[in-house]
PDB file of N, CA and C in Angstrom:
ATOM      1  N   MET A   1      -7.835   9.720 -28.169  1.00  0.00           N
ATOM      2  CA  MET A   1      -8.068  10.753 -29.142  1.00  0.00           C
ATOM      3  C   MET A   1      -8.756  10.136 -30.360  1.00  0.00           C
ATOM      4  N   LYS A   2      -9.866  10.706 -30.775  1.00  0.00           N
ATOM      5  CA  LYS A   2     -10.599  10.194 -31.929  1.00  0.00           C
ATOM      6  C   LYS A   2     -10.044  10.794 -33.215  1.00  0.00           C
ATOM      7  N   LEU A   3     -10.339  10.112 -34.319  1.00  0.00           N
ATOM      8  CA  LEU A   3      -9.848  10.528 -35.631  1.00  0.00           C
ATOM      9  C   LEU A   3     -11.010  10.821 -36.569  1.00  0.00           C
ATOM     10  N   GLU A   4     -10.755  11.661 -37.562  1.00  0.00           N
ATOM     11  CA  GLU A   4     -11.745  11.995 -38.578  1.00  0.00           C
ATOM     12  C   GLU A   4     -11.076  11.973 -39.948  1.00  0.00           C
ATOM     13  N   LEU A   5     -11.877  11.672 -40.962  1.00  0.00           N
ATOM     14  CA  LEU A   5     -11.412  11.788 -42.351  1.00  0.00           C
ATOM     15  C   LEU A   5     -11.783  13.174 -42.851  1.00  0.00           C
ATOM     16  N   LEU A   6     -10.815  13.872 -43.382  1.00  0.00           N
ATOM     17  CA  LEU A   6     -11.041  15.187 -43.965  1.00  0.00           C
ATOM     18  C   LEU A   6     -11.069  15.034 -45.470  1.00  0.00           C
ATOM     19  N   PHE A   7     -12.093  15.585 -46.104  1.00  0.00           N
ATOM     20  CA  PHE A   7     -12.204  15.616 -47.561  1.00  0.00           C
ATOM     21  C   PHE A   7     -12.150  17.082 -47.981  1.00  0.00           C
ATOM     22  N   ALA A   8     -11.247  17.413 -48.898  1.00  0.00           N
ATOM     23  CA  ALA A   8     -11.146  18.778 -49.414  1.00  0.00           C
ATOM     24  C   ALA A   8     -11.040  18.704 -50.937  1.00  0.00           C
ATOM     25  N   ILE A   9     -11.866  19.476 -51.628  1.00  0.00           N
ATOM     26  CA  ILE A   9     -11.809  19.568 -53.085  1.00  0.00           C
ATOM     27  C   ILE A   9     -11.322  20.967 -53.418  1.00  0.00           C
ATOM     28  N   VAL A  10     -10.181  21.034 -54.112  1.00  0.00           N
ATOM     29  CA  VAL A  10      -9.532  22.310 -54.395  1.00  0.00           C
ATOM     30  C   VAL A  10      -9.075  22.348 -55.851  1.00  0.00           C
ATOM     31  N   HIS A  11      -8.728  23.540 -56.340  1.00  0.00           N
ATOM     32  CA  HIS A  11      -8.187  23.680 -57.692  1.00  0.00           C
ATOM     33  C   HIS A  11      -6.840  22.970 -57.776  1.00  0.00           C
ATOM     34  N   ASN A  12      -6.548  22.429 -58.947  1.00  0.00           N
ATOM     35  CA  ASN A  12      -5.330  21.613 -59.098  1.00  0.00           C
ATOM     36  C   ASN A  12      -4.046  22.377 -58.802  1.00  0.00           C
ATOM     37  N   ASP A  13      -3.993  23.659 -59.117  1.00  0.00           N
ATOM     38  CA  ASP A  13      -2.757  24.409 -58.880  1.00  0.00           C
ATOM     39  C   ASP A  13      -2.558  24.793 -57.416  1.00  0.00           C
ATOM     40  N   LYS A  14      -3.551  24.556 -56.569  1.00  0.00           N
ATOM     41  CA  LYS A  14      -3.444  24.853 -55.135  1.00  0.00           C
ATOM     42  C   LYS A  14      -3.401  23.587 -54.286  1.00  0.00           C
ATOM     43  N   ALA A  15      -3.378  22.407 -54.898  1.00  0.00           N
ATOM     44  CA  ALA A  15      -3.415  21.153 -54.146  1.00  0.00           C
ATOM     45  C   ALA A  15      -2.216  21.023 -53.211  1.00  0.00           C
ATOM     46  N   ALA A  16      -1.021  21.319 -53.683  1.00  0.00           N
ATOM     47  CA  ALA A  16       0.174  21.216 -52.837  1.00  0.00           C
ATOM     48  C   ALA A  16       0.116  22.218 -51.687  1.00  0.00           C
ATOM     49  N   TYR A  17      -0.396  23.409 -51.960  1.00  0.00           N
ATOM     50  CA  TYR A  17      -0.531  24.440 -50.928  1.00  0.00           C
ATOM     51  C   TYR A  17      -1.462  23.967 -49.815  1.00  0.00           C
ATOM     52  N   TYR A  18      -2.645  23.480 -50.198  1.00  0.00           N
ATOM     53  CA  TYR A  18      -3.598  23.011 -49.190  1.00  0.00           C
ATOM     54  C   TYR A  18      -3.099  21.754 -48.485  1.00  0.00           C
ATOM     55  N   SER A  19      -2.392  20.900 -49.196  1.00  0.00           N
ATOM     56  CA  SER A  19      -1.834  19.701 -48.578  1.00  0.00           C
ATOM     57  C   SER A  19      -0.845  20.070 -47.473  1.00  0.00           C
ATOM     58  N   SER A  20      -0.034  21.092 -47.696  1.00  0.00           N
ATOM     59  CA  SER A  20       0.914  21.520 -46.662  1.00  0.00           C
ATOM     60  C   SER A  20       0.198  22.142 -45.467  1.00  0.00           C
ATOM     61  N   ILE A  21      -0.897  22.856 -45.708  1.00  0.00           N
ATOM     62  CA  ILE A  21      -1.688  23.420 -44.604  1.00  0.00           C
ATOM     63  C   ILE A  21      -2.269  22.288 -43.764  1.00  0.00           C
ATOM     64  N   ILE A  22      -2.814  21.282 -44.426  1.00  0.00           N
ATOM     65  CA  ILE A  22      -3.395  20.137 -43.718  1.00  0.00           C
ATOM     66  C   ILE A  22      -2.317  19.401 -42.932  1.00  0.00           C
ATOM     67  N   GLN A  23      -1.168  19.200 -43.526  1.00  0.00           N
ATOM     68  CA  GLN A  23      -0.078  18.508 -42.845  1.00  0.00           C
ATOM     69  C   GLN A  23       0.390  19.271 -41.614  1.00  0.00           C
ATOM     70  N   SER A  24       0.314  20.589 -41.640  1.00  0.00           N
ATOM     71  CA  SER A  24       0.722  21.388 -40.481  1.00  0.00           C
ATOM     72  C   SER A  24      -0.212  21.195 -39.283  1.00  0.00           C
ATOM     73  N   HIS A  25      -1.376  20.580 -39.512  1.00  0.00           N
ATOM     74  CA  HIS A  25      -2.312  20.270 -38.422  1.00  0.00           C
ATOM     75  C   HIS A  25      -2.205  18.791 -38.034  1.00  0.00           C
ATOM     76  N   GLN A  26      -1.002  18.243 -38.088  1.00  0.00           N
ATOM     77  CA  GLN A  26      -0.665  16.901 -37.628  1.00  0.00           C
ATOM     78  C   GLN A  26      -1.381  15.788 -38.389  1.00  0.00           C
ATOM     79  N   ALA A  27      -1.564  15.966 -39.681  1.00  0.00           N
ATOM     80  CA  ALA A  27      -2.141  14.918 -40.520  1.00  0.00           C
ATOM     81  C   ALA A  27      -0.999  14.108 -41.132  1.00  0.00           C
ATOM     82  N   ASN A  28      -0.817  12.879 -40.673  1.00  0.00           N
ATOM     83  CA  ASN A  28       0.287  12.046 -41.162  1.00  0.00           C
ATOM     84  C   ASN A  28      -0.033  11.338 -42.463  1.00  0.00           C
ATOM     85  N   LEU A  29      -1.296  11.156 -42.793  1.00  0.00           N
ATOM     86  CA  LEU A  29      -1.674  10.399 -43.980  1.00  0.00           C
ATOM     87  C   LEU A  29      -2.557  11.258 -44.869  1.00  0.00           C
ATOM     88  N   GLN A  30      -2.151  11.401 -46.149  1.00  0.00           N
ATOM     89  CA  GLN A  30      -2.940  12.153 -47.114  1.00  0.00           C
ATOM     90  C   GLN A  30      -2.943  11.424 -48.444  1.00  0.00           C
ATOM     91  N   LEU A  31      -4.069  11.485 -49.117  1.00  0.00           N
ATOM     92  CA  LEU A  31      -4.214  10.962 -50.466  1.00  0.00           C
ATOM     93  C   LEU A  31      -4.700  12.113 -51.328  1.00  0.00           C
ATOM     94  N   VAL A  32      -3.962  12.420 -52.386  1.00  0.00           N
ATOM     95  CA  VAL A  32      -4.329  13.506 -53.299  1.00  0.00           C
ATOM     96  C   VAL A  32      -4.582  12.875 -54.663  1.00  0.00           C
ATOM     97  N   THR A  33      -5.782  13.098 -55.205  1.00  0.00           N
ATOM     98  CA  THR A  33      -6.159  12.471 -56.461  1.00  0.00           C
ATOM     99  C   THR A  33      -6.968  13.454 -57.323  1.00  0.00           C
ATOM    100  N   PRO A  34      -6.851  13.358 -58.648  1.00  0.00           N
ATOM    101  CA  PRO A  34      -7.662  14.227 -59.516  1.00  0.00           C
ATOM    102  C   PRO A  34      -9.159  13.984 -59.296  1.00  0.00           C
ATOM    103  N   ALA A  35      -9.945  15.039 -59.455  1.00  0.00           N
ATOM    104  CA  ALA A  35     -11.395  14.940 -59.238  1.00  0.00           C
ATOM    105  C   ALA A  35     -12.107  15.921 -60.162  1.00  0.00           C
ATOM    106  N   LYS A  36     -13.423  15.837 -60.165  1.00  0.00           N
ATOM    107  CA  LYS A  36     -14.243  16.792 -60.906  1.00  0.00           C
ATOM    108  C   LYS A  36     -15.098  17.555 -59.911  1.00  0.00           C
ATOM    109  N   GLY A  37     -15.289  18.835 -60.182  1.00  0.00           N
ATOM    110  CA  GLY A  37     -16.126  19.663 -59.329  1.00  0.00           C
ATOM    111  C   GLY A  37     -17.595  19.380 -59.564  1.00  0.00           C
ATOM    112  N   THR A  38     -18.434  20.042 -58.801  1.00  0.00           N
ATOM    113  CA  THR A  38     -19.874  19.788 -58.864  1.00  0.00           C
ATOM    114  C   THR A  38     -20.544  20.429 -60.076  1.00  0.00           C
ATOM    115  N   THR A  39     -19.872  21.347 -60.759  1.00  0.00           N
ATOM    116  CA  THR A  39     -20.513  22.054 -61.875  1.00  0.00           C
ATOM    117  C   THR A  39     -20.148  21.484 -63.241  1.00  0.00           C
ATOM    118  N   HIS A  40     -19.433  20.361 -63.292  1.00  0.00           N
ATOM    119  CA  HIS A  40     -18.948  19.874 -64.583  1.00  0.00           C
ATOM    120  C   HIS A  40     -20.076  19.511 -65.548  1.00  0.00           C
ATOM    121  N   LEU A  41     -21.214  19.044 -65.065  1.00  0.00           N
ATOM    122  CA  LEU A  41     -22.325  18.683 -65.962  1.00  0.00           C
ATOM    123  C   LEU A  41     -22.897  19.907 -66.669  1.00  0.00           C
ATOM    124  N   ILE A  42     -23.094  20.981 -65.922  1.00  0.00           N
ATOM    125  CA  ILE A  42     -23.652  22.209 -66.498  1.00  0.00           C
ATOM    126  C   ILE A  42     -22.662  22.824 -67.483  1.00  0.00           C
ATOM    127  N   LEU A  43     -21.397  22.869 -67.096  1.00  0.00           N
ATOM    128  CA  LEU A  43     -20.394  23.454 -67.981  1.00  0.00           C
ATOM    129  C   LEU A  43     -20.227  22.638 -69.260  1.00  0.00           C
ATOM    130  N   ASP A  44     -20.268  21.314 -69.143  1.00  0.00           N
ATOM    131  CA  ASP A  44     -20.199  20.470 -70.339  1.00  0.00           C
ATOM    132  C   ASP A  44     -21.371  20.745 -71.266  1.00  0.00           C
ATOM    133  N   TYR A  45     -22.556  20.904 -70.706  1.00  0.00           N
ATOM    134  CA  TYR A  45     -23.756  21.173 -71.489  1.00  0.00           C
ATOM    135  C   TYR A  45     -23.622  22.497 -72.245  1.00  0.00           C
ATOM    136  N   LEU A  46     -23.003  23.496 -71.612  1.00  0.00           N
ATOM    137  CA  LEU A  46     -22.834  24.801 -72.233  1.00  0.00           C
ATOM    138  C   LEU A  46     -21.600  24.876 -73.130  1.00  0.00           C
ATOM    139  N   GLY A  47     -20.809  23.813 -73.168  1.00  0.00           N
ATOM    140  CA  GLY A  47     -19.616  23.800 -73.993  1.00  0.00           C
ATOM    141  C   GLY A  47     -18.438  24.539 -73.373  1.00  0.00           C
ATOM    142  N   LEU A  48     -18.489  24.754 -72.082  1.00  0.00           N
ATOM    143  CA  LEU A  48     -17.406  25.437 -71.379  1.00  0.00           C
ATOM    144  C   LEU A  48     -16.514  24.404 -70.698  1.00  0.00           C
ATOM    145  N   THR A  49     -15.290  24.795 -70.408  1.00  0.00           N
ATOM    146  CA  THR A  49     -14.395  23.885 -69.704  1.00  0.00           C
ATOM    147  C   THR A  49     -14.308  24.275 -68.237  1.00  0.00           C
ATOM    148  N   GLU A  50     -14.077  23.289 -67.438  1.00  0.00           N
ATOM    149  CA  GLU A  50     -13.970  23.498 -66.003  1.00  0.00           C
ATOM    150  C   GLU A  50     -12.510  23.400 -65.597  1.00  0.00           C
ATOM    151  N   ARG A  51     -12.129  24.154 -64.570  1.00  0.00           N
ATOM    152  CA  ARG A  51     -10.767  24.032 -64.037  1.00  0.00           C
ATOM    153  C   ARG A  51     -10.617  22.668 -63.378  1.00  0.00           C
ATOM    154  N   PRO A  52      -9.510  21.994 -63.631  1.00  0.00           N
ATOM    155  CA  PRO A  52      -9.291  20.695 -62.985  1.00  0.00           C
ATOM    156  C   PRO A  52      -9.236  20.843 -61.467  1.00  0.00           C
ATOM    157  N   LYS A  53      -9.707  19.826 -60.776  1.00  0.00           N
ATOM    158  CA  LYS A  53      -9.757  19.827 -59.313  1.00  0.00           C
ATOM    159  C   LYS A  53      -8.965  18.644 -58.776  1.00  0.00           C
ATOM    160  N   PHE A  54      -8.622  18.725 -57.507  1.00  0.00           N
ATOM    161  CA  PHE A  54      -8.007  17.620 -56.798  1.00  0.00           C
ATOM    162  C   PHE A  54      -8.784  17.368 -55.521  1.00  0.00           C
ATOM    163  N   LEU A  55      -8.914  16.097 -55.177  1.00  0.00           N
ATOM    164  CA  LEU A  55      -9.523  15.683 -53.916  1.00  0.00           C
ATOM    165  C   LEU A  55      -8.390  15.305 -52.979  1.00  0.00           C
ATOM    166  N   ILE A  56      -8.377  15.923 -51.803  1.00  0.00           N
ATOM    167  CA  ILE A  56      -7.394  15.597 -50.770  1.00  0.00           C
ATOM    168  C   ILE A  56      -8.146  14.893 -49.647  1.00  0.00           C
ATOM    169  N   ILE A  57      -7.748  13.662 -49.364  1.00  0.00           N
ATOM    170  CA  ILE A  57      -8.328  12.899 -48.262  1.00  0.00           C
ATOM    171  C   ILE A  57      -7.247  12.746 -47.208  1.00  0.00           C
ATOM    172  N   SER A  58      -7.546  13.174 -45.984  1.00  0.00           N
ATOM    173  CA  SER A  58      -6.558  13.143 -44.912  1.00  0.00           C
ATOM    174  C   SER A  58      -7.186  12.574 -43.653  1.00  0.00           C
ATOM    175  N   VAL A  59      -6.352  11.988 -42.810  1.00  0.00           N
ATOM    176  CA  VAL A  59      -6.786  11.550 -41.483  1.00  0.00           C
ATOM    177  C   VAL A  59      -6.293  12.603 -40.496  1.00  0.00           C
ATOM    178  N   VAL A  60      -7.223  13.199 -39.760  1.00  0.00           N
ATOM    179  CA  VAL A  60      -6.874  14.234 -38.783  1.00  0.00           C
ATOM    180  C   VAL A  60      -7.455  13.878 -37.423  1.00  0.00           C
ATOM    181  N   ARG A  61      -6.822  14.387 -36.393  1.00  0.00           N
ATOM    182  CA  ARG A  61      -7.343  14.182 -35.038  1.00  0.00           C
ATOM    183  C   ARG A  61      -8.536  15.103 -34.819  1.00  0.00           C
ATOM    184  N   THR A  62      -9.477  14.638 -34.026  1.00  0.00           N
ATOM    185  CA  THR A  62     -10.687  15.412 -33.761  1.00  0.00           C
ATOM    186  C   THR A  62     -10.357  16.761 -33.134  1.00  0.00           C
ATOM    187  N   ASP A  63      -9.358  16.802 -32.257  1.00  0.00           N
ATOM    188  CA  ASP A  63      -9.006  18.071 -31.618  1.00  0.00           C
ATOM    189  C   ASP A  63      -8.393  19.073 -32.598  1.00  0.00           C
ATOM    190  N   GLN A  64      -7.930  18.619 -33.761  1.00  0.00           N
ATOM    191  CA  GLN A  64      -7.362  19.488 -34.785  1.00  0.00           C
ATOM    192  C   GLN A  64      -8.370  19.819 -35.891  1.00  0.00           C
ATOM    193  N   ALA A  65      -9.444  19.041 -35.987  1.00  0.00           N
ATOM    194  CA  ALA A  65     -10.374  19.146 -37.119  1.00  0.00           C
ATOM    195  C   ALA A  65     -11.057  20.508 -37.203  1.00  0.00           C
ATOM    196  N   ASP A  66     -11.589  21.009 -36.100  1.00  0.00           N
ATOM    197  CA  ASP A  66     -12.299  22.293 -36.144  1.00  0.00           C
ATOM    198  C   ASP A  66     -11.378  23.442 -36.543  1.00  0.00           C
ATOM    199  N   ALA A  67     -10.172  23.464 -35.967  1.00  0.00           N
ATOM    200  CA  ALA A  67      -9.219  24.522 -36.309  1.00  0.00           C
ATOM    201  C   ALA A  67      -8.815  24.425 -37.776  1.00  0.00           C
ATOM    202  N   LEU A  68      -8.641  23.210 -38.267  1.00  0.00           N
ATOM    203  CA  LEU A  68      -8.248  23.007 -39.656  1.00  0.00           C
ATOM    204  C   LEU A  68      -9.358  23.435 -40.612  1.00  0.00           C
ATOM    205  N   ILE A  69     -10.593  23.031 -40.336  1.00  0.00           N
ATOM    206  CA  ILE A  69     -11.724  23.447 -41.181  1.00  0.00           C
ATOM    207  C   ILE A  69     -11.860  24.969 -41.166  1.00  0.00           C
ATOM    208  N   GLY A  70     -11.687  25.583 -40.009  1.00  0.00           N
ATOM    209  CA  GLY A  70     -11.734  27.046 -39.915  1.00  0.00           C
ATOM    210  C   GLY A  70     -10.649  27.704 -40.755  1.00  0.00           C
ATOM    211  N   ARG A  71      -9.442  27.159 -40.689  1.00  0.00           N
ATOM    212  CA  ARG A  71      -8.326  27.706 -41.476  1.00  0.00           C
ATOM    213  C   ARG A  71      -8.586  27.547 -42.969  1.00  0.00           C
ATOM    214  N   LEU A  72      -9.083  26.374 -43.383  1.00  0.00           N
ATOM    215  CA  LEU A  72      -9.380  26.160 -44.799  1.00  0.00           C
ATOM    216  C   LEU A  72     -10.481  27.097 -45.279  1.00  0.00           C
ATOM    217  N   ASN A  73     -11.530  27.276 -44.491  1.00  0.00           N
ATOM    218  CA  ASN A  73     -12.606  28.198 -44.875  1.00  0.00           C
ATOM    219  C   ASN A  73     -12.089  29.624 -45.006  1.00  0.00           C
ATOM    220  N   GLU A  74     -11.177  30.002 -44.126  1.00  0.00           N
ATOM    221  CA  GLU A  74     -10.556  31.323 -44.212  1.00  0.00           C
ATOM    222  C   GLU A  74      -9.786  31.471 -45.521  1.00  0.00           C
ATOM    223  N   LEU A  75      -9.032  30.434 -45.887  1.00  0.00           N
ATOM    224  CA  LEU A  75      -8.256  30.477 -47.129  1.00  0.00           C
ATOM    225  C   LEU A  75      -9.154  30.422 -48.357  1.00  0.00           C
ATOM    226  N   PHE A  76     -10.262  29.669 -48.295  1.00  0.00           N
ATOM    227  CA  PHE A  76     -11.190  29.592 -49.427  1.00  0.00           C
ATOM    228  C   PHE A  76     -11.777  30.965 -49.756  1.00  0.00           C
ATOM    229  N   GLY A  77     -11.820  31.857 -48.788  1.00  0.00           N
ATOM    230  CA  GLY A  77     -12.371  33.195 -49.009  1.00  0.00           C
ATOM    231  C   GLY A  77     -11.371  34.208 -49.541  1.00  0.00           C
ATOM    232  N   LYS A  78     -10.131  33.816 -49.786  1.00  0.00           N
ATOM    233  CA  LYS A  78      -9.099  34.743 -50.252  1.00  0.00           C
ATOM    234  C   LYS A  78      -9.323  35.217 -51.677  1.00  0.00           C
ATOM    235  N   GLY A  79      -9.986  34.432 -52.499  1.00  0.00           N
ATOM    236  CA  GLY A  79     -10.194  34.800 -53.898  1.00  0.00           C
ATOM    237  C   GLY A  79     -10.578  33.594 -54.706  1.00  0.00           C
ATOM    238  N   LYS A  80     -10.886  33.820 -55.981  1.00  0.00           N
ATOM    239  CA  LYS A  80     -11.399  32.725 -56.811  1.00  0.00           C
ATOM    240  C   LYS A  80     -10.385  31.610 -57.028  1.00  0.00           C
ATOM    241  N   ASP A  81      -9.095  31.923 -57.004  1.00  0.00           N
ATOM    242  CA  ASP A  81      -8.084  30.876 -57.170  1.00  0.00           C
ATOM    243  C   ASP A  81      -7.960  29.977 -55.942  1.00  0.00           C
ATOM    244  N   TYR A  82      -8.500  30.405 -54.819  1.00  0.00           N
ATOM    245  CA  TYR A  82      -8.391  29.652 -53.571  1.00  0.00           C
ATOM    246  C   TYR A  82      -9.670  28.914 -53.203  1.00  0.00           C
ATOM    247  N   LYS A  83     -10.686  28.984 -54.037  1.00  0.00           N
ATOM    248  CA  LYS A  83     -11.974  28.367 -53.726  1.00  0.00           C
ATOM    249  C   LYS A  83     -11.851  26.864 -53.539  1.00  0.00           C
ATOM    250  N   GLY A  84     -12.741  26.320 -52.724  1.00  0.00           N
ATOM    251  CA  GLY A  84     -12.779  24.890 -52.489  1.00  0.00           C
ATOM    252  C   GLY A  84     -13.833  24.561 -51.452  1.00  0.00           C
ATOM    253  N   ILE A  85     -13.973  23.286 -51.156  1.00  0.00           N
ATOM    254  CA  ILE A  85     -14.866  22.858 -50.089  1.00  0.00           C
ATOM    255  C   ILE A  85     -14.112  21.838 -49.240  1.00  0.00           C
ATOM    256  N   ALA A  86     -14.490  21.769 -47.968  1.00  0.00           N
ATOM    257  CA  ALA A  86     -13.866  20.808 -47.057  1.00  0.00           C
ATOM    258  C   ALA A  86     -14.876  20.394 -45.998  1.00  0.00           C
ATOM    259  N   PHE A  87     -14.813  19.119 -45.622  1.00  0.00           N
ATOM    260  CA  PHE A  87     -15.663  18.605 -44.542  1.00  0.00           C
ATOM    261  C   PHE A  87     -14.994  17.384 -43.938  1.00  0.00           C
ATOM    262  N   THR A  88     -15.445  16.997 -42.754  1.00  0.00           N
ATOM    263  CA  THR A  88     -14.884  15.827 -42.077  1.00  0.00           C
ATOM    264  C   THR A  88     -15.975  14.805 -41.792  1.00  0.00           C
ATOM    265  N   VAL A  89     -15.550  13.548 -41.669  1.00  0.00           N
ATOM    266  CA  VAL A  89     -16.416  12.430 -41.322  1.00  0.00           C
ATOM    267  C   VAL A  89     -15.701  11.664 -40.206  1.00  0.00           C
ATOM    268  N   PRO A  90     -16.381  11.393 -39.082  1.00  0.00           N
ATOM    269  CA  PRO A  90     -15.691  10.692 -37.996  1.00  0.00           C
ATOM    270  C   PRO A  90     -15.375   9.240 -38.344  1.00  0.00           C
ATOM    271  N   LEU A  91     -14.216   8.768 -37.877  1.00  0.00           N
ATOM    272  CA  LEU A  91     -13.846   7.360 -37.994  1.00  0.00           C
ATOM    273  C   LEU A  91     -14.316   6.657 -36.726  1.00  0.00           C
ATOM    274  N   SER A  92     -14.978   5.522 -36.878  1.00  0.00           N
ATOM    275  CA  SER A  92     -15.507   4.828 -35.693  1.00  0.00           C
ATOM    276  C   SER A  92     -14.478   3.918 -35.051  1.00  0.00           C
ATOM    277  N   SER A  93     -13.524   3.385 -35.838  1.00  0.00           N
ATOM    278  CA  SER A  93     -12.506   2.528 -35.236  1.00  0.00           C
ATOM    279  C   SER A  93     -11.295   2.422 -36.157  1.00  0.00           C
ATOM    280  N   VAL A  94     -10.163   2.112 -35.541  1.00  0.00           N
ATOM    281  CA  VAL A  94      -8.915   1.878 -36.258  1.00  0.00           C
ATOM    282  C   VAL A  94      -8.309   0.620 -35.660  1.00  0.00           C
ATOM    283  N   ILE A  95      -7.891  -0.303 -36.510  1.00  0.00           N
ATOM    284  CA  ILE A  95      -7.335  -1.561 -36.036  1.00  0.00           C
ATOM    285  C   ILE A  95      -5.834  -1.402 -35.818  1.00  0.00           C
ATOM    286  N   GLY A  96      -5.371  -1.742 -34.639  1.00  0.00           N
ATOM    287  CA  GLY A  96      -3.947  -1.769 -34.348  1.00  0.00           C
ATOM    288  C   GLY A  96      -3.442  -0.530 -33.658  1.00  0.00           C
ATOM    289  N   ARG A  97      -2.676  -0.751 -32.614  1.00  0.00           N
ATOM    290  CA  ARG A  97      -2.133   0.345 -31.816  1.00  0.00           C
ATOM    291  C   ARG A  97      -1.133   1.177 -32.616  1.00  0.00           C
ATOM    292  N   LEU A  98      -0.248   0.522 -33.373  1.00  0.00           N
ATOM    293  CA  LEU A  98       0.749   1.257 -34.152  1.00  0.00           C
ATOM    294  C   LEU A  98       0.104   2.051 -35.284  1.00  0.00           C
ATOM    295  N   THR A  99      -0.918   1.475 -35.904  1.00  0.00           N
ATOM    296  CA  THR A  99      -1.648   2.193 -36.956  1.00  0.00           C
ATOM    297  C   THR A  99      -2.305   3.441 -36.382  1.00  0.00           C
ATOM    298  N   TYR A 100      -2.955   3.273 -35.237  1.00  0.00           N
ATOM    299  CA  TYR A 100      -3.580   4.428 -34.582  1.00  0.00           C
ATOM    300  C   TYR A 100      -2.528   5.476 -34.227  1.00  0.00           C
ATOM    301  N   GLY A 101      -1.398   5.038 -33.692  1.00  0.00           N
ATOM    302  CA  GLY A 101      -0.340   5.971 -33.314  1.00  0.00           C
ATOM    303  C   GLY A 101       0.167   6.771 -34.492  1.00  0.00           C
ATOM    304  N   PHE A 102       0.328   6.114 -35.639  1.00  0.00           N
ATOM    305  CA  PHE A 102       0.769   6.818 -36.837  1.00  0.00           C
ATOM    306  C   PHE A 102      -0.288   7.813 -37.311  1.00  0.00           C
ATOM    307  N   LEU A 103      -1.531   7.365 -37.407  1.00  0.00           N
ATOM    308  CA  LEU A 103      -2.599   8.228 -37.919  1.00  0.00           C
ATOM    309  C   LEU A 103      -2.877   9.420 -37.011  1.00  0.00           C
ATOM    310  N   SER A 104      -2.744   9.213 -35.701  1.00  0.00           N
ATOM    311  CA  SER A 104      -3.037  10.298 -34.759  1.00  0.00           C
ATOM    312  C   SER A 104      -1.811  11.147 -34.449  1.00  0.00           C
ATOM    313  N   ASN A 105      -0.657  10.795 -35.038  1.00  0.00           N
ATOM    314  CA  ASN A 105       0.599  11.500 -34.799  1.00  0.00           C
ATOM    315  C   ASN A 105       0.967  11.466 -33.314  1.00  0.00           C
ATOM    316  N   ASP A 106       0.691  10.331 -32.671  1.00  0.00           N
ATOM    317  CA  ASP A 106       1.001  10.139 -31.252  1.00  0.00           C
ATOM    318  C   ASP A 106       2.303   9.343 -31.178  1.00  0.00           C
ATOM    319  N   LYS A 107       3.387  10.047 -30.948  1.00  0.00           N
ATOM    320  CA  LYS A 107       4.704   9.413 -30.965  1.00  0.00           C
ATOM    321  C   LYS A 107       4.903   8.437 -29.803  1.00  0.00           C
ATOM    322  N   ARG A 108       4.083   8.534 -28.768  1.00  0.00           N
ATOM    323  CA  ARG A 108       4.220   7.624 -27.627  1.00  0.00           C
ATOM    324  C   ARG A 108       3.829   6.193 -27.999  1.00  0.00           C
ATOM    325  N   THR A 109       2.931   6.017 -28.954  1.00  0.00           N
ATOM    326  CA  THR A 109       2.464   4.665 -29.293  1.00  0.00           C
ATOM    327  C   THR A 109       3.307   4.000 -30.371  1.00  0.00           C
ATOM    328  N   VAL A 110       4.122   4.770 -31.081  1.00  0.00           N
ATOM    329  CA  VAL A 110       4.951   4.197 -32.144  1.00  0.00           C
ATOM    330  C   VAL A 110       6.310   3.840 -31.538  1.00  0.00           C
ATOM    331  N   GLN A 111       6.648   2.568 -31.585  1.00  0.00           N
ATOM    332  CA  GLN A 111       7.897   2.096 -30.989  1.00  0.00           C
ATOM    333  C   GLN A 111       8.964   1.980 -32.072  1.00  0.00           C
ATOM    334  N   GLU A 112      10.158   2.383 -31.736  1.00  0.00           N
ATOM    335  CA  GLU A 112      11.266   2.213 -32.675  1.00  0.00           C
ATOM    336  C   GLU A 112      11.815   0.807 -32.523  1.00  0.00           C
ATOM    337  N   GLU A 113      12.259   0.245 -33.650  1.00  0.00           N
ATOM    338  CA  GLU A 113      12.823  -1.096 -33.609  1.00  0.00           C
ATOM    339  C   GLU A 113      14.218  -1.050 -32.989  1.00  0.00           C
ATOM    340  N   ALA A 114      14.516  -2.048 -32.174  1.00  0.00           N
ATOM    341  CA  ALA A 114      15.809  -2.096 -31.474  1.00  0.00           C
ATOM    342  C   ALA A 114      16.891  -2.667 -32.334  1.00  0.00           C
TER     343      ALA A 114
END
């Protein structure tokens, strides 16, 4: 099973909501960090403030990526408070069987210590 990195930029008050949606698609690893949207330069020039954003970076399985992107796009269309962007980038390799097992949520490859 191949893996992809998912990048999602969302409003700060919806970061936890989107993080839980992503986690429901078997994403074991997520990084959530503050970010700036693409319009901050124009808004700064006009003296307007921009809503704070968060960048969510997740590792997802390729078989889950399309369904997840579809679900996020559906949610982004709910209204202005739900707006965001999301895309994936394929990972070419992962070092270590246990690391791969954790990232892909494959419980068969993760061994419990005796």
